[in-house]
């Protein structure tokens, strides 16, 4: 049993929680989101938008379903996340040349320039998030997360 400090002068008994991979991943995810918000404060982008833009930038003409699979999010979540990027002209849509019912996403010229300016910040974000790991530990963590994620 691991007891950790919750507030000064008090302790909380977490039972088995700190031995559960899912519980620890949830805490790590939340810390990663907070780190992203700190580093990208004022840039008008969420971590999910960053992931989606990375896919669109690297895969012009990518479909909605491939974006959903690529970021591991439900199609409805991707739709909601894409809306402001479409409205502000960061991305544009065209029908697929193979199936006109399928929408394909592309970066606009202005969107690509904006995103290119933001991309270097992700390295600083990752470094801040993983600051407690040495380079070998960081690589090992990435390797293990890929295994857990079936990637």
C-alpha atoms as a PDB file:
ATOM      1  CA  UNK A   1       0.000   0.000   0.000  1.00  0.00           C
ATOM      2  CA  UNK A   2       1.362   3.397  -1.040  1.00  0.00           C
ATOM      3  CA  UNK A   3       0.190   6.427   0.875  1.00  0.00           C
ATOM      4  CA  UNK A   4       0.891   9.809  -0.672  1.00  0.00           C
ATOM      5  CA  UNK A   5       0.395  13.307   0.571  1.00  0.00           C
ATOM      6  CA  UNK A   6      -2.843  14.840  -0.617  1.00  0.00           C
ATOM      7  CA  UNK A   7      -2.781  18.077   1.362  1.00  0.00           C
ATOM      8  CA  UNK A   8      -0.347  19.295   3.983  1.00  0.00           C
ATOM      9  CA  UNK A   9      -0.846  17.262   7.129  1.00  0.00           C
ATOM     10  CA  UNK A  10      -3.072  14.618   5.519  1.00  0.00           C
ATOM     11  CA  UNK A  11      -2.473  11.410   3.622  1.00  0.00           C
ATOM     12  CA  UNK A  12      -4.650   9.488   1.217  1.00  0.00           C
ATOM     13  CA  UNK A  13      -4.517   5.725   0.910  1.00  0.00           C
ATOM     14  CA  UNK A  14      -4.549   4.893  -2.789  1.00  0.00           C
ATOM     15  CA  UNK A  15      -4.778   1.160  -2.216  1.00  0.00           C
ATOM     16  CA  UNK A  16      -3.662  -0.639  -5.356  1.00  0.00           C
ATOM     17  CA  UNK A  17      -4.160   2.344  -7.679  1.00  0.00           C
ATOM     18  CA  UNK A  18      -0.462   3.222  -7.949  1.00  0.00           C
ATOM     19  CA  UNK A  19       0.213  -0.342  -9.085  1.00  0.00           C
ATOM     20  CA  UNK A  20      -2.318  -0.205 -11.947  1.00  0.00           C
ATOM     21  CA  UNK A  21      -0.983   0.664 -15.397  1.00  0.00           C
ATOM     22  CA  UNK A  22      -4.256   2.269 -16.457  1.00  0.00           C
ATOM     23  CA  UNK A  23      -4.389   4.494 -13.386  1.00  0.00           C
ATOM     24  CA  UNK A  24      -0.809   5.672 -13.852  1.00  0.00           C
ATOM     25  CA  UNK A  25      -1.372   6.236 -17.571  1.00  0.00           C
ATOM     26  CA  UNK A  26      -4.384   8.400 -16.741  1.00  0.00           C
ATOM     27  CA  UNK A  27      -2.283  10.564 -14.421  1.00  0.00           C
ATOM     28  CA  UNK A  28       0.508  10.748 -16.991  1.00  0.00           C
ATOM     29  CA  UNK A  29      -2.019  11.699 -19.696  1.00  0.00           C
ATOM     30  CA  UNK A  30      -3.442  14.477 -17.526  1.00  0.00           C
ATOM     31  CA  UNK A  31       0.032  15.797 -16.802  1.00  0.00           C
ATOM     32  CA  UNK A  32       0.852  15.655 -20.513  1.00  0.00           C
ATOM     33  CA  UNK A  33      -2.287  17.653 -21.333  1.00  0.00           C
ATOM     34  CA  UNK A  34      -1.382  20.262 -18.727  1.00  0.00           C
ATOM     35  CA  UNK A  35       2.166  20.484 -20.087  1.00  0.00           C
ATOM     36  CA  UNK A  36       0.851  20.943 -23.634  1.00  0.00           C
ATOM     37  CA  UNK A  37      -1.517  23.680 -22.464  1.00  0.00           C
ATOM     38  CA  UNK A  38       1.365  25.443 -20.705  1.00  0.00           C
ATOM     39  CA  UNK A  39       3.775  25.302 -23.655  1.00  0.00           C
ATOM     40  CA  UNK A  40       1.163  26.216 -26.275  1.00  0.00           C
ATOM     41  CA  UNK A  41      -0.606  28.836 -24.159  1.00  0.00           C
ATOM     42  CA  UNK A  42      -1.918  31.577 -26.446  1.00  0.00           C
ATOM     43  CA  UNK A  43      -1.367  29.596 -29.649  1.00  0.00           C
ATOM     44  CA  UNK A  44      -5.014  28.603 -30.051  1.00  0.00           C
ATOM     45  CA  UNK A  45      -4.403  24.884 -30.476  1.00  0.00           C
ATOM     46  CA  UNK A  46      -5.288  21.798 -28.446  1.00  0.00           C
ATOM     47  CA  UNK A  47      -3.170  18.669 -28.244  1.00  0.00           C
ATOM     48  CA  UNK A  48      -5.728  16.740 -30.312  1.00  0.00           C
ATOM     49  CA  UNK A  49      -5.752  19.476 -32.956  1.00  0.00           C
ATOM     50  CA  UNK A  50      -1.954  19.276 -33.033  1.00  0.00           C
ATOM     51  CA  UNK A  51      -2.097  15.512 -33.612  1.00  0.00           C
ATOM     52  CA  UNK A  52      -4.720  15.875 -36.326  1.00  0.00           C
ATOM     53  CA  UNK A  53      -2.804  18.661 -38.065  1.00  0.00           C
ATOM     54  CA  UNK A  54       0.356  16.551 -37.991  1.00  0.00           C
ATOM     55  CA  UNK A  55      -1.522  13.757 -39.779  1.00  0.00           C
ATOM     56  CA  UNK A  56      -3.077  16.115 -42.333  1.00  0.00           C
ATOM     57  CA  UNK A  57       0.221  17.905 -42.941  1.00  0.00           C
ATOM     58  CA  UNK A  58       2.093  14.636 -43.473  1.00  0.00           C
ATOM     59  CA  UNK A  59      -0.744  12.935 -45.405  1.00  0.00           C
ATOM     60  CA  UNK A  60      -2.478  15.471 -47.678  1.00  0.00           C
ATOM     61  CA  UNK A  61      -5.871  14.156 -48.710  1.00  0.00           C
ATOM     62  CA  UNK A  62      -6.279  11.942 -45.636  1.00  0.00           C
ATOM     63  CA  UNK A  63      -9.837  10.830 -44.923  1.00  0.00           C
ATOM     64  CA  UNK A  64     -11.819  11.399 -41.754  1.00  0.00           C
ATOM     65  CA  UNK A  65     -11.792   7.711 -40.860  1.00  0.00           C
ATOM     66  CA  UNK A  66      -8.013   7.477 -41.259  1.00  0.00           C
ATOM     67  CA  UNK A  67      -7.569  10.547 -39.039  1.00  0.00           C
ATOM     68  CA  UNK A  68      -9.808   8.933 -36.404  1.00  0.00           C
ATOM     69  CA  UNK A  69      -7.757   5.738 -36.454  1.00  0.00           C
ATOM     70  CA  UNK A  70      -4.480   7.667 -36.542  1.00  0.00           C
ATOM     71  CA  UNK A  71      -5.193   9.661 -33.392  1.00  0.00           C
ATOM     72  CA  UNK A  72      -7.205   6.968 -31.628  1.00  0.00           C
ATOM     73  CA  UNK A  73     -10.347   9.070 -31.266  1.00  0.00           C
ATOM     74  CA  UNK A  74     -13.989   8.517 -32.154  1.00  0.00           C
ATOM     75  CA  UNK A  75     -15.090  10.018 -35.495  1.00  0.00           C
ATOM     76  CA  UNK A  76     -17.485  12.368 -33.679  1.00  0.00           C
ATOM     77  CA  UNK A  77     -14.622  13.701 -31.538  1.00  0.00           C
ATOM     78  CA  UNK A  78     -12.535  14.277 -34.665  1.00  0.00           C
ATOM     79  CA  UNK A  79     -15.453  16.110 -36.313  1.00  0.00           C
ATOM     80  CA  UNK A  80     -15.789  18.448 -33.334  1.00  0.00           C
ATOM     81  CA  UNK A  81     -12.033  19.015 -33.240  1.00  0.00           C
ATOM     82  CA  UNK A  82     -11.835  19.746 -36.987  1.00  0.00           C
ATOM     83  CA  UNK A  83     -14.631  22.341 -37.064  1.00  0.00           C
ATOM     84  CA  UNK A  84     -12.644  25.344 -35.801  1.00  0.00           C
ATOM     85  CA  UNK A  85      -9.720  24.409 -38.080  1.00  0.00           C
ATOM     86  CA  UNK A  86     -12.070  24.460 -41.062  1.00  0.00           C
ATOM     87  CA  UNK A  87     -13.766  27.701 -39.995  1.00  0.00           C
ATOM     88  CA  UNK A  88     -10.488  29.579 -39.531  1.00  0.00           C
ATOM     89  CA  UNK A  89      -9.056  28.299 -42.828  1.00  0.00           C
ATOM     90  CA  UNK A  90      -6.260  26.185 -41.376  1.00  0.00           C
ATOM     91  CA  UNK A  91      -7.492  23.156 -43.319  1.00  0.00           C
ATOM     92  CA  UNK A  92      -9.738  22.618 -46.334  1.00  0.00           C
ATOM     93  CA  UNK A  93     -11.765  19.690 -47.632  1.00  0.00           C
ATOM     94  CA  UNK A  94     -12.115  18.104 -51.032  1.00  0.00           C
ATOM     95  CA  UNK A  95     -14.010  15.001 -52.098  1.00  0.00           C
ATOM     96  CA  UNK A  96     -11.971  11.874 -52.685  1.00  0.00           C
ATOM     97  CA  UNK A  97     -11.087  11.157 -56.295  1.00  0.00           C
ATOM     98  CA  UNK A  98     -11.972   7.493 -55.659  1.00  0.00           C
ATOM     99  CA  UNK A  99     -15.260   7.960 -53.813  1.00  0.00           C
ATOM    100  CA  UNK A 100     -16.911  11.386 -53.861  1.00  0.00           C
ATOM    101  CA  UNK A 101     -18.778  10.552 -50.642  1.00  0.00           C
ATOM    102  CA  UNK A 102     -15.454  10.517 -48.762  1.00  0.00           C
ATOM    103  CA  UNK A 103     -14.106  13.868 -47.576  1.00  0.00           C
ATOM    104  CA  UNK A 104     -10.369  14.430 -47.727  1.00  0.00           C
ATOM    105  CA  UNK A 105      -8.500  17.007 -45.656  1.00  0.00           C
ATOM    106  CA  UNK A 106      -5.610  19.219 -46.724  1.00  0.00           C
ATOM    107  CA  UNK A 107      -3.669  21.994 -45.048  1.00  0.00           C
ATOM    108  CA  UNK A 108      -4.203  25.415 -46.563  1.00  0.00           C
ATOM    109  CA  UNK A 109      -1.118  27.448 -47.391  1.00  0.00           C
ATOM    110  CA  UNK A 110      -1.717  29.741 -44.420  1.00  0.00           C
ATOM    111  CA  UNK A 111      -2.495  26.743 -42.192  1.00  0.00           C
ATOM    112  CA  UNK A 112       0.717  25.012 -43.200  1.00  0.00           C
ATOM    113  CA  UNK A 113       2.760  28.148 -42.440  1.00  0.00           C
ATOM    114  CA  UNK A 114       1.066  28.578 -39.055  1.00  0.00           C
ATOM    115  CA  UNK A 115       1.516  24.922 -38.135  1.00  0.00           C
ATOM    116  CA  UNK A 116       5.137  24.894 -39.316  1.00  0.00           C
ATOM    117  CA  UNK A 117       5.786  27.742 -36.875  1.00  0.00           C
ATOM    118  CA  UNK A 118       4.247  25.754 -34.003  1.00  0.00           C
ATOM    119  CA  UNK A 119       5.873  22.377 -34.669  1.00  0.00           C
ATOM    120  CA  UNK A 120       9.206  23.206 -32.941  1.00  0.00           C
ATOM    121  CA  UNK A 121       7.335  23.816 -29.683  1.00  0.00           C
ATOM    122  CA  UNK A 122       6.330  20.163 -29.470  1.00  0.00           C
ATOM    123  CA  UNK A 123       9.938  19.165 -28.768  1.00  0.00           C
ATOM    124  CA  UNK A 124      10.065  21.627 -25.863  1.00  0.00           C
ATOM    125  CA  UNK A 125       6.737  20.254 -24.665  1.00  0.00           C
ATOM    126  CA  UNK A 126       7.971  16.662 -24.794  1.00  0.00           C
ATOM    127  CA  UNK A 127      11.214  17.604 -23.035  1.00  0.00           C
ATOM    128  CA  UNK A 128       9.301  19.350 -20.250  1.00  0.00           C
ATOM    129  CA  UNK A 129       6.868  16.456 -19.875  1.00  0.00           C
ATOM    130  CA  UNK A 130       9.623  13.801 -19.801  1.00  0.00           C
ATOM    131  CA  UNK A 131      12.105  15.857 -17.772  1.00  0.00           C
ATOM    132  CA  UNK A 132      12.334  13.160 -15.081  1.00  0.00           C
ATOM    133  CA  UNK A 133      13.598  10.557 -17.560  1.00  0.00           C
ATOM    134  CA  UNK A 134      17.076  10.189 -18.962  1.00  0.00           C
ATOM    135  CA  UNK A 135      17.323   9.612 -22.755  1.00  0.00           C
ATOM    136  CA  UNK A 136      17.494   5.813 -22.431  1.00  0.00           C
ATOM    137  CA  UNK A 137      14.485   5.730 -20.094  1.00  0.00           C
ATOM    138  CA  UNK A 138      12.541   7.973 -22.459  1.00  0.00           C
ATOM    139  CA  UNK A 139      13.247   5.672 -25.410  1.00  0.00           C
ATOM    140  CA  UNK A 140      12.302   2.628 -23.324  1.00  0.00           C
ATOM    141  CA  UNK A 141       9.048   4.291 -22.260  1.00  0.00           C
ATOM    142  CA  UNK A 142       8.202   5.052 -25.895  1.00  0.00           C
ATOM    143  CA  UNK A 143       8.986   1.439 -26.831  1.00  0.00           C
ATOM    144  CA  UNK A 144       6.762   0.074 -24.071  1.00  0.00           C
ATOM    145  CA  UNK A 145       3.898   2.481 -24.849  1.00  0.00           C
ATOM    146  CA  UNK A 146       3.995   1.399 -28.505  1.00  0.00           C
ATOM    147  CA  UNK A 147       3.651  -2.208 -27.346  1.00  0.00           C
ATOM    148  CA  UNK A 148       0.743  -1.363 -25.001  1.00  0.00           C
ATOM    149  CA  UNK A 149      -0.908   0.644 -27.770  1.00  0.00           C
ATOM    150  CA  UNK A 150      -0.456  -2.069 -30.424  1.00  0.00           C
ATOM    151  CA  UNK A 151       1.444   0.442 -32.565  1.00  0.00           C
END
